[in-house]
Protein backbone atom coordinates (compact mmCIF):
# COMPACT_ATOMS: atom_id res chain seq x y z
CA UNK A 1 -18.32 63.25 -1.91
CA UNK A 2 -15.40 62.95 -4.09
CA UNK A 3 -13.51 64.83 -1.39
CA UNK A 4 -14.79 62.84 1.74
CA UNK A 5 -13.22 59.84 -0.30
CA UNK A 6 -10.28 61.63 -0.92
CA UNK A 7 -9.89 62.75 2.43
CA UNK A 8 -11.02 58.86 3.79
CA UNK A 9 -8.36 57.42 1.72
CA UNK A 10 -5.28 60.09 3.05
CA UNK A 11 -6.11 59.06 6.97
CA UNK A 12 -5.83 55.68 6.05
CA UNK A 13 -2.51 56.06 4.37
CA UNK A 14 -1.53 58.21 7.49
CA UNK A 15 -3.03 55.64 10.03
CA UNK A 16 -1.13 52.73 8.52
CA UNK A 17 2.24 53.07 9.73
CA UNK A 18 0.78 54.13 13.74
CA UNK A 19 -1.06 50.69 13.48
CA UNK A 20 2.25 48.76 11.75
CA UNK A 21 4.46 50.55 14.82
CA UNK A 22 1.74 49.01 17.26
CA UNK A 23 1.52 45.34 15.91
CA UNK A 24 5.44 45.49 16.01
CA UNK A 25 5.78 46.79 19.82
CA UNK A 26 3.30 44.56 20.75
CA UNK A 27 5.07 41.33 19.38
CA UNK A 28 8.57 42.68 20.23
CA UNK A 29 7.06 42.29 23.57
CA UNK A 30 5.40 39.46 23.34
CA UNK A 31 7.45 37.54 20.68
CA UNK A 32 4.93 34.92 19.81
CA UNK A 33 1.14 35.48 20.16
CA UNK A 34 -1.96 34.16 18.86
CA UNK A 35 -4.37 36.18 15.75
CA UNK A 36 -7.03 37.55 18.71
CA UNK A 37 -4.35 38.45 21.20
CA UNK A 38 -2.43 40.42 19.09
CA UNK A 39 -5.84 42.12 17.54
CA UNK A 40 -7.31 43.34 20.97
CA UNK A 41 -3.64 44.18 21.95
CA UNK A 42 -3.45 46.55 19.35
CA UNK A 43 -6.73 48.06 19.49
CA UNK A 44 -6.09 49.11 22.60
CA UNK A 45 -2.45 50.28 21.89
CA UNK A 46 -4.05 52.39 19.39
CA UNK A 47 -7.51 53.35 21.88
CA UNK A 48 -6.05 56.97 22.58
CA UNK A 49 -5.38 57.86 19.37
CA UNK A 50 -7.71 56.45 16.88
CA UNK A 51 -10.20 52.94 17.00
CA UNK A 52 -8.46 51.30 14.24
CA UNK A 53 -10.18 49.42 11.66
CA UNK A 54 -9.27 45.68 11.80
CA UNK A 55 -9.33 45.35 8.32
CA UNK A 56 -6.73 48.02 8.45
CA UNK A 57 -5.10 45.86 11.39
CA UNK A 58 -4.90 43.03 8.93
CA UNK A 59 -3.69 44.29 6.35
CA UNK A 60 -0.99 45.38 8.37
CA UNK A 61 0.17 42.36 9.94
CA UNK A 62 -0.19 40.96 6.72
CA UNK A 63 2.39 43.51 5.26
CA UNK A 64 5.11 42.81 7.97
CA UNK A 65 4.83 39.28 7.59
CA UNK A 66 5.70 40.22 3.72
CA UNK A 67 8.53 42.10 4.83
CA UNK A 68 9.69 39.62 6.97
CA UNK A 69 9.04 41.10 10.65
CA UNK A 70 6.65 38.82 11.60
CA UNK A 71 6.02 35.27 10.38
CA UNK A 72 2.90 32.24 10.98
CA UNK A 73 3.58 29.53 12.70
CA UNK A 74 4.24 26.42 10.91
CA UNK A 75 1.59 24.08 13.38
CA UNK A 76 -0.63 26.35 14.11
CA UNK A 77 -1.51 28.97 11.11
CA UNK A 78 -3.32 31.90 13.89
CA UNK A 79 0.10 32.45 16.13
CA UNK A 80 2.25 35.29 15.01
CA UNK A 81 6.21 35.07 15.18
CA UNK A 82 8.25 37.86 15.67
CA UNK A 83 11.35 37.60 13.79
CA UNK A 84 13.19 41.11 13.51
């Protein structure tokens, strides 16, 4: 049981950069996008490799906001803008 949990954590850690890259690719093309549309497009891109967990995608988006790749629209918090 302990090995299984460790493997799941390693898989999640390996998938995080791939999800972040997909978010950046989508946002680089669109420049501004709503939360739901971003989630749909990221899932479509990642579908070929694996089906990403929605919580992991949200964590990756928050991580990119913290690192100044994305920002929330001040007038509409469900919109994201690409910065980099």
